[in-house]
C-alpha atoms as a PDB file:
ATOM      1  CA  MET A   1       2.628  22.534   3.010  1.00  0.00           C
ATOM      2  CA  THR A   2       0.398  22.073   5.930  1.00  0.00           C
ATOM      3  CA  ALA A   3      -1.516  18.697   6.935  1.00  0.00           C
ATOM      4  CA  ALA A   4      -4.648  19.903   5.856  1.00  0.00           C
ATOM      5  CA  GLU A   5      -3.580  20.962   2.582  1.00  0.00           C
ATOM      6  CA  ALA A   6      -1.852  17.463   2.415  1.00  0.00           C
ATOM      7  CA  SER A   7      -5.056  15.298   2.959  1.00  0.00           C
ATOM      8  CA  SER A   8      -6.892  17.943   0.204  1.00  0.00           C
ATOM      9  CA  ALA A   9      -3.831  17.354  -2.525  1.00  0.00           C
ATOM     10  CA  SER A  10      -5.245  14.602  -3.433  1.00  0.00           C
ATOM     11  CA  PRO A  11      -4.404  12.671  -6.513  1.00  0.00           C
ATOM     12  CA  SER A  12      -6.754  11.890  -9.554  1.00  0.00           C
ATOM     13  CA  ALA A  13      -7.655   8.718 -10.410  1.00  0.00           C
ATOM     14  CA  PRO A  14      -5.045   6.494 -10.797  1.00  0.00           C
ATOM     15  CA  PRO A  15      -3.651   5.284 -14.880  1.00  0.00           C
ATOM     16  CA  ALA A  16      -6.108   2.979 -16.626  1.00  0.00           C
ATOM     17  CA  GLU A  17      -3.766  -0.844 -17.094  1.00  0.00           C
ATOM     18  CA  PRO A  18      -2.686  -2.072 -19.711  1.00  0.00           C
ATOM     19  CA  LYS A  19      -5.762  -3.112 -21.990  1.00  0.00           C
ATOM     20  CA  GLU A  20      -6.023  -6.804 -21.679  1.00  0.00           C
ATOM     21  CA  ARG A  21      -9.052  -8.783 -23.380  1.00  0.00           C
ATOM     22  CA  ARG A  22     -11.302  -8.478 -21.185  1.00  0.00           C
ATOM     23  CA  ASP A  23     -14.726 -11.667 -20.699  1.00  0.00           C
ATOM     24  CA  THR A  24     -17.650  -9.607 -21.931  1.00  0.00           C
ATOM     25  CA  ARG A  25     -20.103 -12.433 -21.336  1.00  0.00           C
ATOM     26  CA  PRO A  26     -22.863 -11.868 -18.532  1.00  0.00           C
ATOM     27  CA  ASP A  27     -22.819 -13.504 -15.233  1.00  0.00           C
ATOM     28  CA  PRO A  28     -24.728 -16.482 -14.729  1.00  0.00           C
ATOM     29  CA  LEU A  29     -28.235 -15.664 -13.322  1.00  0.00           C
ATOM     30  CA  TRP A  30     -27.210 -17.616 -10.272  1.00  0.00           C
ATOM     31  CA  GLN A  31     -24.715 -15.343  -9.576  1.00  0.00           C
ATOM     32  CA  ARG A  32     -26.166 -12.417 -10.252  1.00  0.00           C
ATOM     33  CA  ALA A  33     -29.237 -13.561  -7.859  1.00  0.00           C
ATOM     34  CA  LEU A  34     -26.627 -14.526  -5.282  1.00  0.00           C
ATOM     35  CA  VAL A  35     -25.318 -11.521  -5.397  1.00  0.00           C
ATOM     36  CA  SER A  36     -28.348  -9.786  -4.906  1.00  0.00           C
ATOM     37  CA  VAL A  37     -29.110 -11.371  -1.819  1.00  0.00           C
ATOM     38  CA  LEU A  38     -26.104 -10.587  -0.292  1.00  0.00           C
ATOM     39  CA  GLY A  39     -25.889  -7.064  -1.473  1.00  0.00           C
ATOM     40  CA  GLY A  40     -29.234  -7.153   0.401  1.00  0.00           C
ATOM     41  CA  LEU A  41     -27.782  -8.947   3.759  1.00  0.00           C
ATOM     42  CA  ILE A  42     -25.099  -6.033   3.603  1.00  0.00           C
ATOM     43  CA  TRP A  43     -27.761  -3.338   3.416  1.00  0.00           C
ATOM     44  CA  LEU A  44     -29.830  -4.933   6.024  1.00  0.00           C
ATOM     45  CA  VAL A  45     -26.492  -5.616   8.475  1.00  0.00           C
ATOM     46  CA  GLY A  46     -25.512  -1.811   7.580  1.00  0.00           C
ATOM     47  CA  VAL A  47     -28.692  -0.211   8.993  1.00  0.00           C
ATOM     48  CA  VAL A  48     -29.427  -2.049  12.110  1.00  0.00           C
ATOM     49  CA  PRO A  49     -27.922  -0.304  15.572  1.00  0.00           C
ATOM     50  CA  PRO A  50     -23.912  -1.123  15.928  1.00  0.00           C
ATOM     51  CA  ARG A  51     -24.602  -2.978  19.255  1.00  0.00           C
ATOM     52  CA  LEU A  52     -27.122  -5.100  18.249  1.00  0.00           C
ATOM     53  CA  GLY A  53     -25.405  -6.006  14.808  1.00  0.00           C
ATOM     54  CA  TYR A  54     -22.449  -7.049  16.972  1.00  0.00           C
ATOM     55  CA  LEU A  55     -24.541  -8.924  19.255  1.00  0.00           C
ATOM     56  CA  ALA A  56     -25.903 -10.869  16.345  1.00  0.00           C
ATOM     57  CA  SER A  57     -22.197 -11.429  14.917  1.00  0.00           C
ATOM     58  CA  ASN A  58     -21.939 -13.539  18.266  1.00  0.00           C
ATOM     59  CA  LEU A  59     -23.940 -15.894  16.750  1.00  0.00           C
ATOM     60  CA  LEU A  60     -22.346 -15.937  13.658  1.00  0.00           C
ATOM     61  CA  ALA A  61     -19.129 -16.784  15.239  1.00  0.00           C
ATOM     62  CA  ILE A  62     -20.286 -19.867  17.422  1.00  0.00           C
ATOM     63  CA  PRO A  63     -20.003 -22.690  13.679  1.00  0.00           C
ATOM     64  CA  TRP A  64     -16.752 -21.080  13.115  1.00  0.00           C
ATOM     65  CA  TYR A  65     -15.418 -21.795  16.891  1.00  0.00           C
ATOM     66  CA  LEU A  66     -17.199 -25.147  16.726  1.00  0.00           C
ATOM     67  CA  TYR A  67     -15.672 -26.191  13.333  1.00  0.00           C
ATOM     68  CA  TRP A  68     -11.748 -25.291  14.899  1.00  0.00           C
ATOM     69  CA  ARG A  69     -12.658 -26.080  18.161  1.00  0.00           C
ATOM     70  CA  CYS A  70     -13.084 -29.576  16.116  1.00  0.00           C
ATOM     71  CA  HIS A  71     -10.734 -29.454  13.004  1.00  0.00           C
ATOM     72  CA  ASP A  72      -6.764 -30.476  13.823  1.00  0.00           C
ATOM     73  CA  PRO A  73      -6.730 -29.056  17.430  1.00  0.00           C
ATOM     74  CA  ARG A  74      -3.127 -30.722  17.439  1.00  0.00           C
ATOM     75  CA  GLY A  75      -1.946 -28.752  15.360  1.00  0.00           C
ATOM     76  CA  GLU A  76      -0.559 -31.423  12.935  1.00  0.00           C
ATOM     77  CA  ARG A  77      -1.013 -29.850   9.413  1.00  0.00           C
ATOM     78  CA  SER A  78       0.977 -27.092   7.665  1.00  0.00           C
ATOM     79  CA  LYS A  79      -1.244 -24.965   7.739  1.00  0.00           C
ATOM     80  CA  GLY A  80      -4.866 -23.936  10.016  1.00  0.00           C
ATOM     81  CA  TYR A  81      -5.690 -21.959  13.382  1.00  0.00           C
ATOM     82  CA  TRP A  82      -4.128 -24.470  15.909  1.00  0.00           C
ATOM     83  CA  ARG A  83      -0.571 -24.575  14.136  1.00  0.00           C
ATOM     84  CA  ASN A  84      -0.255 -20.980  13.284  1.00  0.00           C
ATOM     85  CA  THR A  85      -1.199 -20.472  17.181  1.00  0.00           C
ATOM     86  CA  ARG A  86       1.652 -23.182  18.278  1.00  0.00           C
ATOM     87  CA  ILE A  87       4.382 -21.652  15.843  1.00  0.00           C
ATOM     88  CA  ALA A  88       2.985 -17.939  17.167  1.00  0.00           C
ATOM     89  CA  PHE A  89       2.910 -18.436  21.004  1.00  0.00           C
ATOM     90  CA  ARG A  90       6.155 -20.073  22.370  1.00  0.00           C
ATOM     91  CA  PRO A  91       8.898 -19.200  24.661  1.00  0.00           C
ATOM     92  CA  GLY A  92      11.027 -16.824  22.990  1.00  0.00           C
ATOM     93  CA  ALA A  93       7.917 -15.965  19.777  1.00  0.00           C
ATOM     94  CA  PRO A  94       7.156 -11.579  20.093  1.00  0.00           C
ATOM     95  CA  ALA A  95       3.667 -12.581  20.408  1.00  0.00           C
ATOM     96  CA  GLY A  96       4.138 -14.287  23.948  1.00  0.00           C
ATOM     97  CA  ASP A  97       4.522 -17.431  25.815  1.00  0.00           C
ATOM     98  CA  ALA A  98       1.593 -18.716  25.738  1.00  0.00           C
ATOM     99  CA  ARG A  99      -2.060 -18.990  23.525  1.00  0.00           C
ATOM    100  CA  PRO A 100      -3.867 -15.921  25.547  1.00  0.00           C
ATOM    101  CA  PRO A 101      -7.011 -17.523  27.497  1.00  0.00           C
ATOM    102  CA  GLY A 102     -10.246 -17.733  25.566  1.00  0.00           C
ATOM    103  CA  HIS A 103      -8.251 -16.533  22.482  1.00  0.00           C
ATOM    104  CA  LEU A 104     -10.105 -19.541  20.376  1.00  0.00           C
ATOM    105  CA  TRP A 105     -13.748 -17.288  21.204  1.00  0.00           C
ATOM    106  CA  ALA A 106     -12.109 -14.404  20.908  1.00  0.00           C
ATOM    107  CA  TRP A 107     -10.087 -14.639  17.358  1.00  0.00           C
ATOM    108  CA  SER A 108     -14.092 -16.176  16.130  1.00  0.00           C
ATOM    109  CA  ARG A 109     -16.204 -12.862  17.263  1.00  0.00           C
ATOM    110  CA  HIS A 110     -13.411 -10.817  15.659  1.00  0.00           C
ATOM    111  CA  ILE A 111     -13.870 -12.983  12.314  1.00  0.00           C
ATOM    112  CA  ALA A 112     -17.431 -12.286  12.781  1.00  0.00           C
ATOM    113  CA  ARG A 113     -17.599  -8.702  12.750  1.00  0.00           C
ATOM    114  CA  ILE A 114     -15.416  -7.582  10.699  1.00  0.00           C
ATOM    115  CA  VAL A 115     -18.543  -9.214   8.602  1.00  0.00           C
ATOM    116  CA  VAL A 116     -20.543  -6.147  10.560  1.00  0.00           C
ATOM    117  CA  ASP A 117     -17.956  -4.078  10.164  1.00  0.00           C
ATOM    118  CA  PHE A 118     -17.719  -4.245   6.332  1.00  0.00           C
ATOM    119  CA  CYS A 119     -21.484  -3.657   6.323  1.00  0.00           C
ATOM    120  CA  GLN A 120     -21.315  -0.563   8.628  1.00  0.00           C
ATOM    121  CA  MET A 121     -18.552   1.112   6.700  1.00  0.00           C
ATOM    122  CA  ARG A 122     -21.288   3.588   5.263  1.00  0.00           C
ATOM    123  CA  ARG A 123     -21.944   5.216   8.136  1.00  0.00           C
ATOM    124  CA  LEU A 124     -18.466   6.506   8.438  1.00  0.00           C
ATOM    125  CA  THR A 125     -18.287  10.211   7.141  1.00  0.00           C
ATOM    126  CA  ALA A 126     -15.568  12.949   6.660  1.00  0.00           C
ATOM    127  CA  GLY A 127     -17.949  14.775   9.383  1.00  0.00           C
ATOM    128  CA  ASN A 128     -18.163  11.935  12.068  1.00  0.00           C
ATOM    129  CA  LEU A 129     -14.602   9.741  10.849  1.00  0.00           C
ATOM    130  CA  GLU A 130     -12.855  10.972  14.144  1.00  0.00           C
ATOM    131  CA  ARG A 131     -15.822   9.909  16.496  1.00  0.00           C
ATOM    132  CA  PHE A 132     -15.090   6.228  15.335  1.00  0.00           C
ATOM    133  CA  VAL A 133     -11.398   6.121  14.513  1.00  0.00           C
ATOM    134  CA  ASP A 134      -8.778   7.327  16.747  1.00  0.00           C
ATOM    135  CA  MET A 135      -6.314   9.525  14.330  1.00  0.00           C
ATOM    136  CA  SER A 136      -3.891  10.543  16.667  1.00  0.00           C
ATOM    137  CA  GLU A 137      -1.476   8.923  14.711  1.00  0.00           C
ATOM    138  CA  TYR A 138      -2.610   9.989  11.095  1.00  0.00           C
ATOM    139  CA  PRO A 139      -0.066  13.701  11.046  1.00  0.00           C
ATOM    140  CA  PRO A 140       2.917  12.054  10.082  1.00  0.00           C
ATOM    141  CA  ILE A 141       0.941  10.236   7.343  1.00  0.00           C
ATOM    142  CA  ALA A 142       0.142  13.878   6.242  1.00  0.00           C
ATOM    143  CA  GLU A 143       3.775  14.920   6.343  1.00  0.00           C
ATOM    144  CA  LEU A 144       4.944  12.361   4.344  1.00  0.00           C
ATOM    145  CA  TYR A 145       2.063  12.270   1.673  1.00  0.00           C
ATOM    146  CA  ALA A 146       2.959  16.090   0.991  1.00  0.00           C
ATOM    147  CA  GLU A 147       6.218  15.596   0.594  1.00  0.00           C
ATOM    148  CA  GLY A 148       4.737  14.115  -3.435  1.00  0.00           C
ATOM    149  CA  LYS A 149       7.046  11.384  -3.801  1.00  0.00           C
ATOM    150  CA  GLY A 150       4.144   9.090  -3.395  1.00  0.00           C
ATOM    151  CA  VAL A 151       3.131   6.562  -0.085  1.00  0.00           C
ATOM    152  CA  ILE A 152       3.299   2.972   0.211  1.00  0.00           C
ATOM    153  CA  PHE A 153       0.940   1.297   2.866  1.00  0.00           C
ATOM    154  CA  ALA A 154       2.373  -1.700   4.099  1.00  0.00           C
ATOM    155  CA  THR A 155      -0.341  -3.526   6.037  1.00  0.00           C
ATOM    156  CA  GLY A 156      -2.010  -7.199   6.918  1.00  0.00           C
ATOM    157  CA  HIS A 157      -5.026  -8.947   8.121  1.00  0.00           C
ATOM    158  CA  VAL A 158      -5.264  -7.326  11.150  1.00  0.00           C
ATOM    159  CA  GLY A 159      -7.647  -5.444  13.002  1.00  0.00           C
ATOM    160  CA  THR A 160     -10.664  -4.113  10.059  1.00  0.00           C
ATOM    161  CA  TRP A 161      -8.344  -3.311   7.497  1.00  0.00           C
ATOM    162  CA  ASP A 162     -11.200  -1.919   5.197  1.00  0.00           C
ATOM    163  CA  VAL A 163     -11.969   0.894   7.493  1.00  0.00           C
ATOM    164  CA  ALA A 164      -8.420   2.103   6.770  1.00  0.00           C
ATOM    165  CA  GLY A 165      -9.020   2.455   2.990  1.00  0.00           C
ATOM    166  CA  VAL A 166     -12.488   4.002   3.643  1.00  0.00           C
ATOM    167  CA  GLY A 167     -10.687   6.560   6.317  1.00  0.00           C
ATOM    168  CA  ALA A 168      -7.973   7.435   4.198  1.00  0.00           C
ATOM    169  CA  GLY A 169     -10.198   8.317   1.595  1.00  0.00           C
ATOM    170  CA  LEU A 170     -12.352  10.391   3.777  1.00  0.00           C
ATOM    171  CA  LYS A 171      -8.929  11.890   4.706  1.00  0.00           C
ATOM    172  CA  GLY A 172      -8.133  13.165   1.036  1.00  0.00           C
ATOM    173  CA  LEU A 173      -6.099  10.857   0.556  1.00  0.00           C
ATOM    174  CA  PRO A 174      -7.655   7.979  -1.521  1.00  0.00           C
ATOM    175  CA  LEU A 175      -5.889   4.947  -1.930  1.00  0.00           C
ATOM    176  CA  THR A 176      -5.392   2.418  -4.700  1.00  0.00           C
ATOM    177  CA  SER A 177      -5.539  -0.814  -2.854  1.00  0.00           C
ATOM    178  CA  VAL A 178      -5.052  -4.204  -4.418  1.00  0.00           C
ATOM    179  CA  PHE A 179      -7.400  -7.288  -4.066  1.00  0.00           C
ATOM    180  CA  ARG A 180      -7.487 -10.732  -4.738  1.00  0.00           C
ATOM    181  CA  PRO A 181     -10.482 -11.193  -6.781  1.00  0.00           C
ATOM    182  CA  SER A 182     -12.953 -14.192  -6.416  1.00  0.00           C
ATOM    183  CA  PRO A 183     -14.151 -16.344  -9.048  1.00  0.00           C
ATOM    184  CA  MET A 184     -17.524 -14.022  -9.082  1.00  0.00           C
ATOM    185  CA  PRO A 185     -17.258 -10.945 -10.815  1.00  0.00           C
ATOM    186  CA  ALA A 186     -20.574  -9.739  -9.750  1.00  0.00           C
ATOM    187  CA  LEU A 187     -18.984 -10.171  -6.283  1.00  0.00           C
ATOM    188  CA  ASP A 188     -16.011  -8.151  -6.970  1.00  0.00           C
ATOM    189  CA  ARG A 189     -18.029  -5.112  -8.354  1.00  0.00           C
ATOM    190  CA  LEU A 190     -20.529  -5.700  -5.025  1.00  0.00           C
ATOM    191  CA  ILE A 191     -17.551  -5.326  -2.994  1.00  0.00           C
ATOM    192  CA  ALA A 192     -15.829  -2.738  -5.139  1.00  0.00           C
ATOM    193  CA  LYS A 193     -18.861   0.174  -4.948  1.00  0.00           C
ATOM    194  CA  LEU A 194     -18.449  -0.486  -0.888  1.00  0.00           C
ATOM    195  CA  ARG A 195     -14.610   0.428  -1.051  1.00  0.00           C
ATOM    196  CA  THR A 196     -14.236   2.861  -3.070  1.00  0.00           C
ATOM    197  CA  ARG A 197     -17.102   5.241  -2.578  1.00  0.00           C
ATOM    198  CA  THR A 198     -15.186   7.760  -0.108  1.00  0.00           C
ATOM    199  CA  GLY A 199     -12.505   7.707  -2.738  1.00  0.00           C
ATOM    200  CA  GLN A 200     -10.193   4.633  -2.868  1.00  0.00           C
ATOM    201  CA  HIS A 201      -9.368   2.841  -5.678  1.00  0.00           C
ATOM    202  CA  VAL A 202      -9.328  -1.171  -5.973  1.00  0.00           C
ATOM    203  CA  VAL A 203      -6.956  -3.209  -8.925  1.00  0.00           C
ATOM    204  CA  ALA A 204      -6.909  -6.710  -8.743  1.00  0.00           C
ATOM    205  CA  ARG A 205      -3.888  -8.173  -8.017  1.00  0.00           C
ATOM    206  CA  LYS A 206      -2.728  -9.880 -11.409  1.00  0.00           C
ATOM    207  CA  ARG A 207      -0.099  -8.014 -13.111  1.00  0.00           C
ATOM    208  CA  VAL A 208      -0.627  -4.908 -10.776  1.00  0.00           C
ATOM    209  CA  MET A 209       3.256  -3.638 -10.874  1.00  0.00           C
ATOM    210  CA  TRP A 210       2.774  -1.286 -13.961  1.00  0.00           C
ATOM    211  CA  THR A 211      -0.096   0.254 -12.340  1.00  0.00           C
ATOM    212  CA  LEU A 212       1.406   0.703  -8.902  1.00  0.00           C
ATOM    213  CA  LYS A 213       4.372   2.375 -10.522  1.00  0.00           C
ATOM    214  CA  LYS A 214       2.524   4.597 -12.410  1.00  0.00           C
ATOM    215  CA  VAL A 215       0.315   5.348  -9.135  1.00  0.00           C
ATOM    216  CA  LEU A 216       3.631   6.214  -7.570  1.00  0.00           C
ATOM    217  CA  ALA A 217       5.236   8.621 -10.035  1.00  0.00           C
ATOM    218  CA  GLU A 218       1.783  10.722 -10.027  1.00  0.00           C
ATOM    219  CA  HIS A 219       2.688  11.423  -6.282  1.00  0.00           C
ATOM    220  CA  GLY A 220      -0.392   8.879  -5.260  1.00  0.00           C
ATOM    221  CA  ALA A 221      -0.581   6.328  -2.311  1.00  0.00           C
ATOM    222  CA  ILE A 222      -0.817   2.359  -2.543  1.00  0.00           C
ATOM    223  CA  GLY A 223      -2.402  -0.062  -0.189  1.00  0.00           C
ATOM    224  CA  LEU A 224      -1.062  -3.444  -0.166  1.00  0.00           C
ATOM    225  CA  LEU A 225      -2.003  -6.701   2.141  1.00  0.00           C
ATOM    226  CA  CYS A 226       1.463  -8.166   2.695  1.00  0.00           C
ATOM    227  CA  ASP A 227       1.021 -10.860   5.591  1.00  0.00           C
ATOM    228  CA  GLY A 228       0.765 -13.485   2.640  1.00  0.00           C
ATOM    229  CA  GLY A 229       3.431 -15.824   1.172  1.00  0.00           C
ATOM    230  CA  GLY A 230       3.125 -18.258  -1.368  1.00  0.00           C
ATOM    231  CA  LYS A 231       5.377 -19.922  -3.018  1.00  0.00           C
ATOM    232  CA  HIS A 232       6.205 -17.300  -5.773  1.00  0.00           C
ATOM    233  CA  SER A 233       7.010 -14.956  -2.828  1.00  0.00           C
ATOM    234  CA  ALA A 234      10.709 -14.440  -2.952  1.00  0.00           C
ATOM    235  CA  ILE A 235      11.680 -13.111   0.302  1.00  0.00           C
ATOM    236  CA  GLU A 236      12.546 -15.569   3.444  1.00  0.00           C
ATOM    237  CA  ALA A 237      11.812 -13.274   6.912  1.00  0.00           C
ATOM    238  CA  PRO A 238      10.776 -13.331  10.420  1.00  0.00           C
ATOM    239  CA  PHE A 239       7.363 -13.019  11.347  1.00  0.00           C
ATOM    240  CA  LEU A 240       6.009 -13.404  14.344  1.00  0.00           C
ATOM    241  CA  GLY A 241       9.423 -14.750  15.222  1.00  0.00           C
ATOM    242  CA  THR A 242       9.526 -17.279  12.932  1.00  0.00           C
ATOM    243  CA  VAL A 243      11.465 -17.214   9.064  1.00  0.00           C
ATOM    244  CA  ALA A 244       7.867 -16.893   6.757  1.00  0.00           C
ATOM    245  CA  ARG A 245       7.613 -16.899   2.838  1.00  0.00           C
ATOM    246  CA  THR A 246       7.116 -13.210   2.104  1.00  0.00           C
ATOM    247  CA  VAL A 247       5.634 -11.171  -0.420  1.00  0.00           C
ATOM    248  CA  ALA A 248       8.512  -8.667  -1.518  1.00  0.00           C
ATOM    249  CA  THR A 249       5.987  -6.218  -3.508  1.00  0.00           C
ATOM    250  CA  PRO A 250       6.177  -3.000  -0.693  1.00  0.00           C
ATOM    251  CA  ALA A 251      10.179  -3.712  -0.952  1.00  0.00           C
ATOM    252  CA  VAL A 252      10.478  -3.675  -4.639  1.00  0.00           C
ATOM    253  CA  LEU A 253       8.596  -0.498  -5.246  1.00  0.00           C
ATOM    254  CA  HIS A 254      10.335   1.358  -2.264  1.00  0.00           C
ATOM    255  CA  LEU A 255      13.881   0.545  -3.875  1.00  0.00           C
ATOM    256  CA  SER A 256      12.065   1.234  -7.569  1.00  0.00           C
ATOM    257  CA  THR A 257      10.395   4.979  -6.587  1.00  0.00           C
ATOM    258  CA  GLY A 258      11.732   5.782  -3.565  1.00  0.00           C
ATOM    259  CA  ALA A 259       8.418   6.135  -1.975  1.00  0.00           C
ATOM    260  CA  PRO A 260       8.340   5.657   2.022  1.00  0.00           C
ATOM    261  CA  ILE A 261       6.597   2.705   3.186  1.00  0.00           C
ATOM    262  CA  VAL A 262       4.333   3.262   6.178  1.00  0.00           C
ATOM    263  CA  VAL A 263       3.507  -0.089   7.974  1.00  0.00           C
ATOM    264  CA  VAL A 264      -0.138   0.507   9.800  1.00  0.00           C
ATOM    265  CA  THR A 265      -3.230  -1.115  10.932  1.00  0.00           C
ATOM    266  CA  VAL A 266      -6.610  -0.409  12.324  1.00  0.00           C
ATOM    267  CA  ILE A 267      -7.129  -2.096  15.428  1.00  0.00           C
ATOM    268  CA  ARG A 268     -10.605  -2.414  17.013  1.00  0.00           C
ATOM    269  CA  THR A 269     -11.091  -1.129  20.135  1.00  0.00           C
ATOM    270  CA  GLY A 270     -14.415  -1.431  21.013  1.00  0.00           C
ATOM    271  CA  CYS A 271     -17.886  -1.812  19.341  1.00  0.00           C
ATOM    272  CA  MET A 272     -17.795   0.311  15.867  1.00  0.00           C
ATOM    273  CA  ARG A 273     -14.468   2.107  17.485  1.00  0.00           C
ATOM    274  CA  PHE A 274     -11.022   1.423  16.061  1.00  0.00           C
ATOM    275  CA  LYS A 275      -7.637   3.377  16.162  1.00  0.00           C
ATOM    276  CA  LEU A 276      -5.382   4.221  13.423  1.00  0.00           C
ATOM    277  CA  ARG A 277      -1.579   2.708  14.551  1.00  0.00           C
ATOM    278  CA  VAL A 278       1.743   3.510  12.902  1.00  0.00           C
ATOM    279  CA  HIS A 279       4.088   0.873  13.517  1.00  0.00           C
ATOM    280  CA  ASP A 280       6.871   1.977  11.270  1.00  0.00           C
ATOM    281  CA  ILE A 281       8.185   4.210   8.721  1.00  0.00           C
ATOM    282  CA  ILE A 282      10.701   3.099   6.322  1.00  0.00           C
ATOM    283  CA  ARG A 283      13.006   4.764   4.058  1.00  0.00           C
ATOM    284  CA  VAL A 284      16.748   3.035   2.765  1.00  0.00           C
ATOM    285  CA  THR A 285      19.307   4.175   0.545  1.00  0.00           C
ATOM    286  CA  ALA A 286      19.604   1.438  -1.913  1.00  0.00           C
ATOM    287  CA  GLY A 287      23.009  -0.352  -1.363  1.00  0.00           C
ATOM    288  CA  PRO A 288      25.069  -2.700  -3.729  1.00  0.00           C
ATOM    289  CA  ASP A 289      23.256  -5.602  -2.716  1.00  0.00           C
ATOM    290  CA  ARG A 290      19.838  -5.586  -3.377  1.00  0.00           C
ATOM    291  CA  ASP A 291      18.570  -8.708  -2.458  1.00  0.00           C
ATOM    292  CA  ARG A 292      20.087  -8.102   1.160  1.00  0.00           C
ATOM    293  CA  ASP A 293      17.858  -4.733   0.773  1.00  0.00           C
ATOM    294  CA  LEU A 294      14.963  -6.269   0.419  1.00  0.00           C
ATOM    295  CA  LEU A 295      15.319  -8.848   3.138  1.00  0.00           C
ATOM    296  CA  ALA A 296      15.981  -5.420   5.288  1.00  0.00           C
ATOM    297  CA  ILE A 297      12.812  -3.571   4.219  1.00  0.00           C
ATOM    298  CA  MET A 298      10.501  -6.636   4.734  1.00  0.00           C
ATOM    299  CA  THR A 299      11.717  -7.828   7.756  1.00  0.00           C
ATOM    300  CA  ARG A 300      10.573  -4.293   9.284  1.00  0.00           C
ATOM    301  CA  VAL A 301       7.744  -4.474   7.380  1.00  0.00           C
ATOM    302  CA  ASN A 302       6.885  -7.666   9.037  1.00  0.00           C
ATOM    303  CA  ASP A 303       8.256  -6.448  12.457  1.00  0.00           C
ATOM    304  CA  GLY A 304       5.589  -4.100  12.474  1.00  0.00           C
ATOM    305  CA  LEU A 305       2.810  -6.605  11.493  1.00  0.00           C
ATOM    306  CA  SER A 306       4.480  -8.842  14.197  1.00  0.00           C
ATOM    307  CA  GLU A 307       3.933  -6.063  16.887  1.00  0.00           C
ATOM    308  CA  ALA A 308       0.525  -5.284  15.553  1.00  0.00           C
ATOM    309  CA  ILE A 309      -0.795  -8.799  16.378  1.00  0.00           C
ATOM    310  CA  ALA A 310       1.046  -8.918  19.391  1.00  0.00           C
ATOM    311  CA  GLU A 311      -1.041  -5.715  20.823  1.00  0.00           C
ATOM    312  CA  ALA A 312      -4.385  -7.636  19.527  1.00  0.00           C
ATOM    313  CA  PRO A 313      -3.362 -11.288  19.130  1.00  0.00           C
ATOM    314  CA  ASP A 314      -7.211 -12.009  18.202  1.00  0.00           C
ATOM    315  CA  GLN A 315      -7.215  -9.833  15.282  1.00  0.00           C
ATOM    316  CA  TRP A 316      -5.404 -11.969  12.867  1.00  0.00           C
ATOM    317  CA  PHE A 317      -6.543 -13.861  10.248  1.00  0.00           C
ATOM    318  CA  TRP A 318      -4.502 -17.103  12.218  1.00  0.00           C
ATOM    319  CA  GLN A 319      -6.534 -19.928   9.383  1.00  0.00           C
ATOM    320  CA  GLY A 320      -4.218 -18.913   6.887  1.00  0.00           C
ATOM    321  CA  ARG A 321      -1.168 -20.534   5.203  1.00  0.00           C
ATOM    322  CA  ARG A 322       1.703 -17.776   6.459  1.00  0.00           C
ATOM    323  CA  PHE A 323       4.235 -21.022   7.762  1.00  0.00           C
ATOM    324  CA  ARG A 324       2.927 -23.964   5.330  1.00  0.00           C
ATOM    325  CA  ARG A 325       6.281 -23.455   2.918  1.00  0.00           C
ATOM    326  CA  ARG A 326       9.305 -23.725   4.813  1.00  0.00           C
ATOM    327  CA  PRO A 327      13.160 -22.515   3.608  1.00  0.00           C
ATOM    328  CA  GLU A 328      14.869 -25.173   1.689  1.00  0.00           C
ATOM    329  CA  GLY A 329      16.368 -27.678   3.981  1.00  0.00           C
ATOM    330  CA  GLU A 330      15.225 -26.770   7.473  1.00  0.00           C
ATOM    331  CA  GLN A 331      15.263 -28.756  10.358  1.00  0.00           C
ATOM    332  CA  PRO A 332      12.338 -28.878  12.673  1.00  0.00           C
ATOM    333  CA  ASP A 333      12.461 -28.563  16.281  1.00  0.00           C
ATOM    334  CA  ALA A 334      11.949 -31.475  18.947  1.00  0.00           C
ATOM    335  CA  ASP A 335       8.276 -30.204  19.241  1.00  0.00           C
ATOM    336  CA  GLY A 336       8.079 -30.281  15.234  1.00  0.00           C
ATOM    337  CA  LEU A 337       7.393 -26.823  15.038  1.00  0.00           C
ATOM    338  CA  PRO A 338      10.113 -24.481  12.334  1.00  0.00           C
ATOM    339  CA  PRO A 339      12.800 -23.048  14.992  1.00  0.00           C
ATOM    340  CA  LEU A 340      12.441 -19.674  15.913  1.00  0.00           C
ATOM    341  CA  ALA A 341      14.337 -16.945  13.931  1.00  0.00           C
ATOM    342  CA  SER A 342      17.699 -16.432  14.895  1.00  0.00           C
ATOM    343  CA  THR A 343      18.141 -12.601  16.048  1.00  0.00           C
END
């Protein structure tokens, strides 16, 4: 099967999740009004020329920059921009020995431009996709999809991940992506409408494993954001050179279904210009030690995402809680930071 045939052989809509009792109460009036205003703003930003939108995003970046300029500049808290950059940029770390000059402002502009990119996604069509997105690394993905085993896309809050989902749909490879729901169902519906217009499906992350396994069983594709790590994360694997709690979902699905994992990002390279990056393709034969297999797989996923951050160090969610929870018994270095992972 050719790459073109693979891209057109998209699966049908993913199976419904197990039926659960749903809240049928109407959304509060203030929420509906707020979401209506937000929808209007998204439409407005979406119709202005991209360069004008990017110029306006500089204004949006200023309060974000000022907040982090003044908030915990010593990095003494267990999370936040300054703490994370101290951990990631130091001698021996894959992202570099020191934080790049102007990094805080460049990152602040990136956060603002994510908003503009999201609003401008309606400009992307099947006819103009490759004018906006460098898809030169897509052929291996099409070949994997053509194998008919399903594909697990592992990505993170690096670059513009929403462009990846929309672009995949335009290539005839609709994803089932997992998202974290907000407290406002009306807002979730608005965002889902924009994300799913090209064929992508979105499912809330709560009790989602059944759905993901069904999608892969029907030879579909799923997309997972893998750079989080809460208290329930099962794996402790190096990320940006430092051990971090890591969600094991991609590895669990890979071992149970045999679907290959593709570590991908979409990096912004200019004004509404992006590049698809394939950082790793993972196939592992299950061994007798399942925990060891899970760790090996998620280490490779983290290595791929760390590579992406090193390539575009201003295009990650530096404000997150990635390194907040530490392994039991870990002793910090003399500078108070978690030690670099042993190689």
